[in-house]
Amino acid sequence: MTPGPNVIMITSSGLNYGIRKSLPHYLGVCIGLPVMVAAVGLGFDVVFHEFPLLHEIIKVTGILYFFYLAYHVATASGTATRDNKTTPFTFIQAAVFQWINPKAWIMATEAIAAYTTDDSDILMQVYYITLAFFIMMFPCTALWLFFGANLKKILKNEMQQRLFNVSMALLLIASITPVIIELALKYFP
């Protein structure tokens, strides 16, 4: 529920495209993140321990994609969506986005690490954690989608909407700054 890449993207989508056109994006987030949590819980993170270069490639690809997204958010038209040539995320794009979203990785790995124990059935624990994410994603993400859609009442002209879009794009870039710094320090000490 705290601001991060998903919140920034769904809020912007609500403002720029409205609730109905943003529903595939919404559903992609709500289903994509729990699927990622389940995959991490079932051992996907072992792949990254075995092949650390793969993790670095995903990070760099994610950073580049975030800049691409930020550009599209910043340049989205502040006018009615029927005049806007851009489109909101599809279900698949939003679900796949979770795999390059640094906050999603942190949430998934921390939830699995914090709420599982070695002395209990790991599959059931992962199931319950995934179920909790699945249940909570719908109302939390909806709140931000509705917030974005209702911003149209406050941001009444195109200039205000464009300023909002640029602000959201800058926040999106700011949300990955720790990952950029981490990689820079690792490879350019």
N, C-alpha and C. Protein backbone atom coordinates (compact mmCIF):
# COMPACT_ATOMS: atom_id res chain seq x y z
N MET A 1 0.82 -1.19 0.00
CA MET A 1 0.00 0.00 0.00
C MET A 1 0.86 1.26 0.00
N THR A 2 2.10 1.13 0.43
CA THR A 2 2.98 2.30 0.46
C THR A 2 3.43 2.63 -0.96
N PRO A 3 3.70 3.90 -1.21
CA PRO A 3 4.11 4.30 -2.57
C PRO A 3 5.36 3.57 -3.04
N GLY A 4 5.28 3.14 -4.25
CA GLY A 4 6.37 2.46 -4.93
C GLY A 4 6.01 2.44 -6.41
N PRO A 5 6.75 1.72 -7.20
CA PRO A 5 6.48 1.72 -8.65
C PRO A 5 5.06 1.32 -9.02
N ASN A 6 4.49 0.28 -8.38
CA ASN A 6 3.12 -0.11 -8.72
C ASN A 6 2.13 1.01 -8.39
N VAL A 7 2.29 1.61 -7.23
CA VAL A 7 1.38 2.69 -6.82
C VAL A 7 1.48 3.88 -7.77
N ILE A 8 2.70 4.24 -8.13
CA ILE A 8 2.90 5.37 -9.04
C ILE A 8 2.26 5.07 -10.39
N MET A 9 2.49 3.87 -10.90
CA MET A 9 1.96 3.52 -12.22
C MET A 9 0.44 3.42 -12.22
N ILE A 10 -0.16 2.82 -11.19
CA ILE A 10 -1.62 2.65 -11.18
C ILE A 10 -2.32 3.99 -10.92
N THR A 11 -1.72 4.84 -10.10
CA THR A 11 -2.29 6.18 -9.86
C THR A 11 -2.26 6.99 -11.15
N SER A 12 -1.13 6.94 -11.85
CA SER A 12 -1.02 7.65 -13.13
C SER A 12 -2.00 7.10 -14.15
N SER A 13 -2.16 5.80 -14.17
CA SER A 13 -3.09 5.18 -15.11
C SER A 13 -4.52 5.63 -14.81
N GLY A 14 -4.88 5.67 -13.52
CA GLY A 14 -6.21 6.12 -13.14
C GLY A 14 -6.48 7.54 -13.61
N LEU A 15 -5.48 8.41 -13.43
CA LEU A 15 -5.64 9.80 -13.86
C LEU A 15 -5.73 9.90 -15.38
N ASN A 16 -4.83 9.24 -16.07
CA ASN A 16 -4.71 9.43 -17.52
C ASN A 16 -5.71 8.62 -18.34
N TYR A 17 -6.17 7.48 -17.83
CA TYR A 17 -7.03 6.61 -18.63
C TYR A 17 -8.37 6.31 -17.99
N GLY A 18 -8.50 6.61 -16.71
CA GLY A 18 -9.74 6.29 -16.02
C GLY A 18 -9.74 4.88 -15.48
N ILE A 19 -10.74 4.58 -14.68
CA ILE A 19 -10.81 3.29 -14.00
C ILE A 19 -11.04 2.14 -14.98
N ARG A 20 -12.01 2.28 -15.84
CA ARG A 20 -12.37 1.17 -16.74
C ARG A 20 -11.20 0.76 -17.62
N LYS A 21 -10.52 1.71 -18.25
CA LYS A 21 -9.39 1.37 -19.13
C LYS A 21 -8.18 0.87 -18.35
N SER A 22 -8.12 1.18 -17.05
CA SER A 22 -6.99 0.75 -16.23
C SER A 22 -7.22 -0.60 -15.56
N LEU A 23 -8.39 -1.19 -15.74
CA LEU A 23 -8.68 -2.47 -15.08
C LEU A 23 -7.70 -3.59 -15.43
N PRO A 24 -7.28 -3.75 -16.70
CA PRO A 24 -6.29 -4.80 -16.97
C PRO A 24 -4.98 -4.57 -16.21
N HIS A 25 -4.55 -3.32 -16.14
CA HIS A 25 -3.35 -2.96 -15.38
C HIS A 25 -3.55 -3.33 -13.91
N TYR A 26 -4.67 -2.95 -13.37
CA TYR A 26 -5.03 -3.23 -11.97
C TYR A 26 -4.98 -4.73 -11.69
N LEU A 27 -5.63 -5.51 -12.54
CA LEU A 27 -5.67 -6.97 -12.34
C LEU A 27 -4.29 -7.60 -12.51
N GLY A 28 -3.49 -7.05 -13.41
CA GLY A 28 -2.12 -7.55 -13.59
C GLY A 28 -1.28 -7.38 -12.34
N VAL A 29 -1.43 -6.24 -11.67
CA VAL A 29 -0.71 -6.00 -10.42
C VAL A 29 -1.25 -6.93 -9.33
N CYS A 30 -2.56 -6.99 -9.22
CA CYS A 30 -3.20 -7.75 -8.13
C CYS A 30 -2.93 -9.25 -8.24
N ILE A 31 -2.73 -9.75 -9.42
CA ILE A 31 -2.46 -11.17 -9.60
C ILE A 31 -0.96 -11.42 -9.78
N GLY A 32 -0.29 -10.51 -10.46
CA GLY A 32 1.14 -10.69 -10.75
C GLY A 32 2.01 -10.73 -9.50
N LEU A 33 1.76 -9.85 -8.54
CA LEU A 33 2.60 -9.82 -7.34
C LEU A 33 2.44 -11.10 -6.51
N PRO A 34 1.22 -11.56 -6.23
CA PRO A 34 1.11 -12.83 -5.50
C PRO A 34 1.76 -14.01 -6.23
N VAL A 35 1.68 -14.03 -7.55
CA VAL A 35 2.34 -15.10 -8.30
C VAL A 35 3.85 -15.03 -8.08
N MET A 36 4.38 -13.82 -8.07
CA MET A 36 5.81 -13.65 -7.82
C MET A 36 6.17 -14.10 -6.40
N VAL A 37 5.35 -13.75 -5.43
CA VAL A 37 5.59 -14.16 -4.04
C VAL A 37 5.62 -15.69 -3.96
N ALA A 38 4.68 -16.33 -4.63
CA ALA A 38 4.65 -17.80 -4.62
C ALA A 38 5.92 -18.37 -5.26
N ALA A 39 6.33 -17.79 -6.38
CA ALA A 39 7.53 -18.28 -7.06
C ALA A 39 8.77 -18.11 -6.19
N VAL A 40 8.89 -16.97 -5.55
CA VAL A 40 10.02 -16.74 -4.64
C VAL A 40 9.95 -17.73 -3.49
N GLY A 41 8.77 -17.91 -2.93
CA GLY A 41 8.59 -18.83 -1.81
C GLY A 41 8.89 -20.28 -2.17
N LEU A 42 8.67 -20.63 -3.41
CA LEU A 42 8.90 -22.01 -3.84
C LEU A 42 10.33 -22.22 -4.34
N GLY A 43 11.17 -21.23 -4.16
CA GLY A 43 12.58 -21.43 -4.43
C GLY A 43 13.16 -20.73 -5.63
N PHE A 44 12.41 -19.82 -6.24
CA PHE A 44 12.95 -19.14 -7.42
C PHE A 44 14.20 -18.35 -7.09
N ASP A 45 14.29 -17.86 -5.85
CA ASP A 45 15.47 -17.09 -5.47
C ASP A 45 16.73 -17.95 -5.47
N VAL A 46 16.58 -19.28 -5.40
CA VAL A 46 17.72 -20.18 -5.48
C VAL A 46 18.40 -20.04 -6.84
N VAL A 47 17.61 -19.80 -7.88
CA VAL A 47 18.16 -19.61 -9.22
C VAL A 47 19.12 -18.43 -9.22
N PHE A 48 18.76 -17.36 -8.53
CA PHE A 48 19.62 -16.18 -8.49
C PHE A 48 20.90 -16.44 -7.68
N HIS A 49 20.81 -17.28 -6.67
CA HIS A 49 22.02 -17.63 -5.93
C HIS A 49 22.95 -18.48 -6.79
N GLU A 50 22.35 -19.32 -7.62
CA GLU A 50 23.13 -20.18 -8.50
C GLU A 50 23.69 -19.42 -9.70
N PHE A 51 22.91 -18.47 -10.21
CA PHE A 51 23.30 -17.69 -11.39
C PHE A 51 23.17 -16.19 -11.07
N PRO A 52 24.10 -15.63 -10.30
CA PRO A 52 23.99 -14.23 -9.88
C PRO A 52 23.99 -13.23 -11.05
N LEU A 53 24.62 -13.59 -12.15
CA LEU A 53 24.62 -12.70 -13.30
C LEU A 53 23.20 -12.47 -13.83
N LEU A 54 22.36 -13.49 -13.76
CA LEU A 54 20.97 -13.36 -14.19
C LEU A 54 20.26 -12.27 -13.39
N HIS A 55 20.53 -12.23 -12.10
CA HIS A 55 19.93 -11.21 -11.24
C HIS A 55 20.40 -9.82 -11.65
N GLU A 56 21.67 -9.68 -11.96
CA GLU A 56 22.22 -8.39 -12.39
C GLU A 56 21.61 -7.97 -13.73
N ILE A 57 21.44 -8.91 -14.63
CA ILE A 57 20.84 -8.61 -15.93
C ILE A 57 19.40 -8.12 -15.75
N ILE A 58 18.66 -8.77 -14.87
CA ILE A 58 17.28 -8.34 -14.61
C ILE A 58 17.27 -6.95 -14.00
N LYS A 59 18.20 -6.65 -13.10
CA LYS A 59 18.27 -5.32 -12.50
C LYS A 59 18.51 -4.25 -13.55
N VAL A 60 19.51 -4.46 -14.40
CA VAL A 60 19.85 -3.47 -15.42
C VAL A 60 18.70 -3.32 -16.41
N THR A 61 18.11 -4.43 -16.83
CA THR A 61 16.96 -4.38 -17.73
C THR A 61 15.81 -3.62 -17.07
N GLY A 62 15.60 -3.89 -15.80
CA GLY A 62 14.54 -3.20 -15.06
C GLY A 62 14.77 -1.70 -14.99
N ILE A 63 16.00 -1.29 -14.72
CA ILE A 63 16.32 0.14 -14.66
C ILE A 63 16.04 0.80 -16.00
N LEU A 64 16.50 0.18 -17.07
CA LEU A 64 16.25 0.75 -18.40
C LEU A 64 14.76 0.83 -18.70
N TYR A 65 14.02 -0.20 -18.30
CA TYR A 65 12.58 -0.21 -18.53
C TYR A 65 11.89 0.86 -17.69
N PHE A 66 12.36 1.08 -16.48
CA PHE A 66 11.78 2.13 -15.64
C PHE A 66 11.97 3.50 -16.29
N PHE A 67 13.14 3.74 -16.88
CA PHE A 67 13.35 5.01 -17.58
C PHE A 67 12.40 5.14 -18.76
N TYR A 68 12.20 4.06 -19.48
CA TYR A 68 11.25 4.03 -20.59
C TYR A 68 9.83 4.36 -20.09
N LEU A 69 9.43 3.70 -19.00
CA LEU A 69 8.10 3.96 -18.42
C LEU A 69 7.98 5.40 -17.94
N ALA A 70 9.01 5.89 -17.27
CA ALA A 70 8.98 7.26 -16.77
C ALA A 70 8.81 8.25 -17.92
N TYR A 71 9.48 7.99 -19.03
CA TYR A 71 9.33 8.84 -20.20
C TYR A 71 7.87 8.85 -20.67
N HIS A 72 7.25 7.68 -20.73
CA HIS A 72 5.86 7.61 -21.18
C HIS A 72 4.89 8.23 -20.18
N VAL A 73 5.17 8.09 -18.91
CA VAL A 73 4.33 8.73 -17.90
C VAL A 73 4.46 10.25 -18.02
N ALA A 74 5.70 10.73 -18.14
CA ALA A 74 5.95 12.17 -18.21
C ALA A 74 5.34 12.81 -19.45
N THR A 75 5.31 12.07 -20.54
CA THR A 75 4.81 12.65 -21.80
C THR A 75 3.36 12.31 -22.08
N ALA A 76 2.69 11.63 -21.13
CA ALA A 76 1.27 11.32 -21.34
C ALA A 76 0.48 12.61 -21.43
N SER A 77 -0.45 12.62 -22.32
CA SER A 77 -1.30 13.79 -22.51
C SER A 77 -2.16 14.01 -21.28
N GLY A 78 -2.34 15.24 -20.91
CA GLY A 78 -3.21 15.55 -19.79
C GLY A 78 -4.65 15.72 -20.21
N THR A 79 -4.92 15.48 -21.48
CA THR A 79 -6.29 15.67 -21.98
C THR A 79 -7.05 14.36 -21.93
N ALA A 80 -8.25 14.38 -22.39
CA ALA A 80 -9.11 13.18 -22.37
C ALA A 80 -8.42 12.01 -23.05
N THR A 81 -8.66 10.83 -22.56
CA THR A 81 -7.96 9.65 -23.06
C THR A 81 -8.30 9.31 -24.50
N ARG A 82 -9.39 9.73 -25.00
CA ARG A 82 -9.71 9.39 -26.40
C ARG A 82 -8.76 10.10 -27.37
N ASP A 83 -8.13 11.21 -26.92
CA ASP A 83 -7.17 11.91 -27.76
C ASP A 83 -5.75 11.43 -27.50
N ASN A 84 -5.55 10.59 -26.51
CA ASN A 84 -4.24 10.17 -26.08
C ASN A 84 -3.81 8.94 -26.88
N LYS A 85 -2.64 9.00 -27.51
CA LYS A 85 -2.16 7.90 -28.33
C LYS A 85 -1.53 6.80 -27.49
N THR A 86 -1.19 7.07 -26.24
CA THR A 86 -0.64 6.04 -25.39
C THR A 86 -1.77 5.19 -24.81
N THR A 87 -1.41 4.04 -24.31
CA THR A 87 -2.41 3.15 -23.72
C THR A 87 -1.94 2.71 -22.34
N PRO A 88 -2.87 2.34 -21.48
CA PRO A 88 -2.47 1.84 -20.17
C PRO A 88 -1.83 0.46 -20.31
N PHE A 89 -1.19 0.02 -19.24
CA PHE A 89 -0.62 -1.33 -19.22
C PHE A 89 -1.70 -2.36 -19.49
N THR A 90 -1.32 -3.41 -20.16
CA THR A 90 -2.21 -4.56 -20.31
C THR A 90 -2.04 -5.43 -19.06
N PHE A 91 -2.87 -6.45 -18.93
CA PHE A 91 -2.76 -7.38 -17.81
C PHE A 91 -1.37 -8.01 -17.79
N ILE A 92 -0.92 -8.51 -18.93
CA ILE A 92 0.38 -9.19 -19.02
C ILE A 92 1.52 -8.23 -18.68
N GLN A 93 1.48 -7.01 -19.23
CA GLN A 93 2.54 -6.05 -18.94
C GLN A 93 2.63 -5.76 -17.45
N ALA A 94 1.50 -5.57 -16.80
CA ALA A 94 1.49 -5.28 -15.36
C ALA A 94 1.97 -6.47 -14.55
N ALA A 95 1.57 -7.68 -14.95
CA ALA A 95 2.00 -8.88 -14.22
C ALA A 95 3.50 -9.10 -14.39
N VAL A 96 4.00 -8.94 -15.59
CA VAL A 96 5.43 -9.13 -15.85
C VAL A 96 6.25 -8.01 -15.20
N PHE A 97 5.67 -6.84 -15.10
CA PHE A 97 6.35 -5.69 -14.47
C PHE A 97 6.83 -6.03 -13.06
N GLN A 98 6.12 -6.92 -12.38
CA GLN A 98 6.50 -7.28 -11.01
C GLN A 98 7.91 -7.85 -10.96
N TRP A 99 8.32 -8.53 -12.01
CA TRP A 99 9.61 -9.20 -12.02
C TRP A 99 10.78 -8.25 -12.19
N ILE A 100 10.54 -7.01 -12.58
CA ILE A 100 11.62 -6.02 -12.65
C ILE A 100 11.41 -4.90 -11.64
N ASN A 101 10.41 -5.04 -10.82
CA ASN A 101 10.08 -4.02 -9.82
C ASN A 101 10.89 -4.31 -8.55
N PRO A 102 11.85 -3.44 -8.22
CA PRO A 102 12.68 -3.71 -7.04
C PRO A 102 11.88 -3.83 -5.74
N LYS A 103 10.85 -3.01 -5.59
CA LYS A 103 10.06 -3.08 -4.37
C LYS A 103 9.32 -4.41 -4.29
N ALA A 104 8.85 -4.92 -5.40
CA ALA A 104 8.16 -6.21 -5.40
C ALA A 104 9.11 -7.32 -4.96
N TRP A 105 10.35 -7.27 -5.45
CA TRP A 105 11.34 -8.27 -5.03
C TRP A 105 11.60 -8.18 -3.53
N ILE A 106 11.74 -6.97 -3.04
CA ILE A 106 12.01 -6.79 -1.61
C ILE A 106 10.83 -7.32 -0.79
N MET A 107 9.62 -6.95 -1.18
CA MET A 107 8.43 -7.41 -0.45
C MET A 107 8.32 -8.93 -0.48
N ALA A 108 8.52 -9.52 -1.65
CA ALA A 108 8.38 -10.97 -1.78
C ALA A 108 9.43 -11.71 -0.94
N THR A 109 10.68 -11.31 -1.07
CA THR A 109 11.73 -12.02 -0.34
C THR A 109 11.63 -11.79 1.16
N GLU A 110 11.30 -10.56 1.56
CA GLU A 110 11.18 -10.29 3.00
C GLU A 110 9.98 -11.02 3.60
N ALA A 111 8.88 -11.08 2.89
CA ALA A 111 7.70 -11.78 3.41
C ALA A 111 8.00 -13.26 3.59
N ILE A 112 8.65 -13.85 2.61
CA ILE A 112 8.98 -15.28 2.70
C ILE A 112 9.99 -15.51 3.83
N ALA A 113 10.99 -14.65 3.91
CA ALA A 113 12.00 -14.81 4.97
C ALA A 113 11.40 -14.60 6.37
N ALA A 114 10.54 -13.62 6.49
CA ALA A 114 10.01 -13.26 7.81
C ALA A 114 8.92 -14.21 8.29
N TYR A 115 8.12 -14.74 7.39
CA TYR A 115 6.93 -15.48 7.81
C TYR A 115 6.98 -16.97 7.54
N THR A 116 8.16 -17.50 7.28
CA THR A 116 8.29 -18.94 7.15
C THR A 116 9.29 -19.45 8.19
N THR A 117 9.11 -20.70 8.56
CA THR A 117 10.04 -21.34 9.50
C THR A 117 10.43 -22.70 8.95
N ASP A 118 11.58 -23.17 9.38
CA ASP A 118 12.07 -24.47 8.92
C ASP A 118 11.32 -25.64 9.55
N ASP A 119 10.71 -25.40 10.69
CA ASP A 119 10.09 -26.50 11.43
C ASP A 119 8.62 -26.72 11.09
N SER A 120 8.16 -26.13 10.01
CA SER A 120 6.76 -26.28 9.62
C SER A 120 6.68 -26.54 8.12
N ASP A 121 5.52 -26.92 7.64
CA ASP A 121 5.30 -27.22 6.23
C ASP A 121 5.49 -25.95 5.39
N ILE A 122 6.58 -25.89 4.64
CA ILE A 122 6.93 -24.69 3.87
C ILE A 122 5.88 -24.41 2.79
N LEU A 123 5.34 -25.44 2.17
CA LEU A 123 4.34 -25.22 1.12
C LEU A 123 3.09 -24.54 1.67
N MET A 124 2.65 -24.96 2.84
CA MET A 124 1.47 -24.33 3.45
C MET A 124 1.78 -22.89 3.85
N GLN A 125 2.98 -22.66 4.36
CA GLN A 125 3.37 -21.31 4.74
C GLN A 125 3.39 -20.38 3.52
N VAL A 126 3.98 -20.86 2.44
CA VAL A 126 4.03 -20.07 1.19
C VAL A 126 2.61 -19.84 0.68
N TYR A 127 1.77 -20.85 0.77
CA TYR A 127 0.37 -20.71 0.36
C TYR A 127 -0.32 -19.59 1.14
N TYR A 128 -0.17 -19.59 2.46
CA TYR A 128 -0.83 -18.57 3.29
C TYR A 128 -0.28 -17.17 3.03
N ILE A 129 1.02 -17.06 2.84
CA ILE A 129 1.62 -15.76 2.54
C ILE A 129 1.13 -15.26 1.19
N THR A 130 1.11 -16.14 0.20
CA THR A 130 0.62 -15.77 -1.13
C THR A 130 -0.85 -15.38 -1.07
N LEU A 131 -1.64 -16.13 -0.33
CA LEU A 131 -3.06 -15.81 -0.17
C LEU A 131 -3.25 -14.43 0.47
N ALA A 132 -2.44 -14.12 1.47
CA ALA A 132 -2.53 -12.81 2.12
C ALA A 132 -2.21 -11.69 1.12
N PHE A 133 -1.18 -11.87 0.31
CA PHE A 133 -0.85 -10.88 -0.72
C PHE A 133 -2.00 -10.76 -1.71
N PHE A 134 -2.53 -11.90 -2.15
CA PHE A 134 -3.62 -11.90 -3.12
C PHE A 134 -4.83 -11.13 -2.59
N ILE A 135 -5.22 -11.40 -1.36
CA ILE A 135 -6.39 -10.74 -0.77
C ILE A 135 -6.15 -9.24 -0.59
N MET A 136 -4.97 -8.87 -0.14
CA MET A 136 -4.70 -7.46 0.17
C MET A 136 -4.41 -6.61 -1.07
N MET A 137 -3.94 -7.22 -2.14
CA MET A 137 -3.61 -6.44 -3.34
C MET A 137 -4.84 -5.76 -3.94
N PHE A 138 -5.97 -6.42 -3.92
CA PHE A 138 -7.16 -5.86 -4.57
C PHE A 138 -7.63 -4.55 -3.92
N PRO A 139 -7.88 -4.50 -2.62
CA PRO A 139 -8.32 -3.23 -2.05
C PRO A 139 -7.23 -2.15 -2.03
N CYS A 140 -6.00 -2.56 -1.76
CA CYS A 140 -4.92 -1.57 -1.68
C CYS A 140 -4.64 -0.93 -3.03
N THR A 141 -4.57 -1.74 -4.07
CA THR A 141 -4.32 -1.21 -5.41
C THR A 141 -5.52 -0.41 -5.90
N ALA A 142 -6.72 -0.86 -5.57
CA ALA A 142 -7.94 -0.13 -5.97
C ALA A 142 -7.95 1.26 -5.37
N LEU A 143 -7.51 1.39 -4.14
CA LEU A 143 -7.46 2.70 -3.49
C LEU A 143 -6.64 3.69 -4.31
N TRP A 144 -5.47 3.25 -4.77
CA TRP A 144 -4.61 4.14 -5.57
C TRP A 144 -5.18 4.39 -6.96
N LEU A 145 -5.82 3.39 -7.54
CA LEU A 145 -6.45 3.58 -8.85
C LEU A 145 -7.57 4.62 -8.75
N PHE A 146 -8.42 4.49 -7.73
CA PHE A 146 -9.51 5.45 -7.55
C PHE A 146 -8.97 6.84 -7.21
N PHE A 147 -7.91 6.89 -6.43
CA PHE A 147 -7.27 8.17 -6.11
C PHE A 147 -6.82 8.85 -7.40
N GLY A 148 -6.14 8.11 -8.26
CA GLY A 148 -5.68 8.67 -9.53
C GLY A 148 -6.83 9.13 -10.40
N ALA A 149 -7.88 8.32 -10.49
CA ALA A 149 -9.03 8.68 -11.32
C ALA A 149 -9.72 9.93 -10.79
N ASN A 150 -9.76 10.08 -9.48
CA ASN A 150 -10.41 11.24 -8.89
C ASN A 150 -9.55 12.50 -8.92
N LEU A 151 -8.29 12.35 -9.23
CA LEU A 151 -7.43 13.53 -9.36
C LEU A 151 -7.87 14.42 -10.52
N LYS A 152 -8.58 13.85 -11.48
CA LYS A 152 -9.07 14.66 -12.60
C LYS A 152 -9.96 15.81 -12.12
N LYS A 153 -10.62 15.60 -10.98
CA LYS A 153 -11.47 16.65 -10.43
C LYS A 153 -10.64 17.79 -9.86
N ILE A 154 -9.45 17.48 -9.40
CA ILE A 154 -8.56 18.49 -8.82
C ILE A 154 -7.67 19.11 -9.89
N LEU A 155 -7.12 18.26 -10.74
CA LEU A 155 -6.24 18.72 -11.81
C LEU A 155 -7.10 19.01 -13.03
N LYS A 156 -7.59 20.22 -13.08
CA LYS A 156 -8.65 20.55 -14.05
C LYS A 156 -8.15 20.90 -15.44
N ASN A 157 -6.92 21.32 -15.58
CA ASN A 157 -6.48 21.68 -16.92
C ASN A 157 -5.28 20.82 -17.34
N GLU A 158 -4.99 20.89 -18.61
CA GLU A 158 -3.94 20.04 -19.18
C GLU A 158 -2.58 20.31 -18.53
N MET A 159 -2.28 21.55 -18.25
CA MET A 159 -0.98 21.88 -17.65
C MET A 159 -0.83 21.24 -16.27
N GLN A 160 -1.87 21.28 -15.45
CA GLN A 160 -1.81 20.65 -14.13
C GLN A 160 -1.63 19.14 -14.26
N GLN A 161 -2.32 18.54 -15.21
CA GLN A 161 -2.20 17.10 -15.40
C GLN A 161 -0.81 16.73 -15.92
N ARG A 162 -0.28 17.55 -16.80
CA ARG A 162 1.08 17.29 -17.30
C ARG A 162 2.11 17.43 -16.17
N LEU A 163 1.96 18.43 -15.33
CA LEU A 163 2.87 18.58 -14.18
C LEU A 163 2.77 17.37 -13.25
N PHE A 164 1.56 16.89 -13.03
CA PHE A 164 1.37 15.70 -12.23
C PHE A 164 2.09 14.51 -12.87
N ASN A 165 1.92 14.35 -14.17
CA ASN A 165 2.55 13.23 -14.88
C ASN A 165 4.08 13.31 -14.78
N VAL A 166 4.63 14.48 -14.94
CA VAL A 166 6.09 14.65 -14.82
C VAL A 166 6.53 14.33 -13.38
N SER A 167 5.75 14.79 -12.41
CA SER A 167 6.08 14.49 -11.00
C SER A 167 6.05 12.99 -10.75
N MET A 168 5.06 12.31 -11.29
CA MET A 168 4.97 10.86 -11.11
C MET A 168 6.14 10.15 -11.81
N ALA A 169 6.54 10.64 -12.96
CA ALA A 169 7.69 10.06 -13.67
C ALA A 169 8.96 10.23 -12.84
N LEU A 170 9.14 11.40 -12.26
CA LEU A 170 10.31 11.63 -11.41
C LEU A 170 10.28 10.74 -10.16
N LEU A 171 9.10 10.55 -9.59
CA LEU A 171 8.97 9.65 -8.44
C LEU A 171 9.28 8.21 -8.84
N LEU A 172 8.89 7.83 -10.04
CA LEU A 172 9.18 6.48 -10.52
C LEU A 172 10.69 6.27 -10.61
N ILE A 173 11.40 7.26 -11.15
CA ILE A 173 12.86 7.17 -11.22
C ILE A 173 13.45 7.19 -9.82
N ALA A 174 12.92 8.03 -8.95
CA ALA A 174 13.42 8.09 -7.57
C ALA A 174 13.24 6.75 -6.86
N SER A 175 12.17 6.02 -7.20
CA SER A 175 11.91 4.74 -6.54
C SER A 175 12.96 3.69 -6.86
N ILE A 176 13.70 3.85 -7.96
CA ILE A 176 14.74 2.88 -8.30
C ILE A 176 16.14 3.44 -8.04
N THR A 177 16.24 4.63 -7.50
CA THR A 177 17.54 5.23 -7.21
C THR A 177 18.40 4.33 -6.33
N PRO A 178 17.85 3.70 -5.28
CA PRO A 178 18.70 2.80 -4.49
C PRO A 178 19.32 1.66 -5.30
N VAL A 179 18.57 1.13 -6.27
CA VAL A 179 19.09 0.05 -7.10
C VAL A 179 20.20 0.59 -8.01
N ILE A 180 20.00 1.78 -8.55
CA ILE A 180 21.02 2.40 -9.40
C ILE A 180 22.30 2.65 -8.59
N ILE A 181 22.15 3.18 -7.39
CA ILE A 181 23.31 3.45 -6.53
C ILE A 181 24.02 2.15 -6.17
N GLU A 182 23.24 1.13 -5.82
CA GLU A 182 23.83 -0.18 -5.48
C GLU A 182 24.67 -0.72 -6.64
N LEU A 183 24.13 -0.68 -7.85
CA LEU A 183 24.86 -1.17 -9.01
C LEU A 183 26.08 -0.30 -9.31
N ALA A 184 25.92 1.01 -9.19
CA ALA A 184 27.05 1.91 -9.45
C ALA A 184 28.19 1.67 -8.48
N LEU A 185 27.86 1.51 -7.20
CA LEU A 185 28.90 1.26 -6.19
C LEU A 185 29.55 -0.11 -6.39
N LYS A 186 28.78 -1.07 -6.87
CA LYS A 186 29.32 -2.41 -7.07
C LYS A 186 30.29 -2.45 -8.23
N TYR A 187 29.96 -1.74 -9.31
CA TYR A 187 30.78 -1.83 -10.51
C TYR A 187 31.71 -0.63 -10.73
N PHE A 188 31.46 0.46 -10.01
CA PHE A 188 32.31 1.65 -10.11
C PHE A 188 32.63 2.17 -8.72
N PRO A 189 33.37 1.40 -7.94
CA PRO A 189 33.61 1.80 -6.53
C PRO A 189 34.41 3.07 -6.38
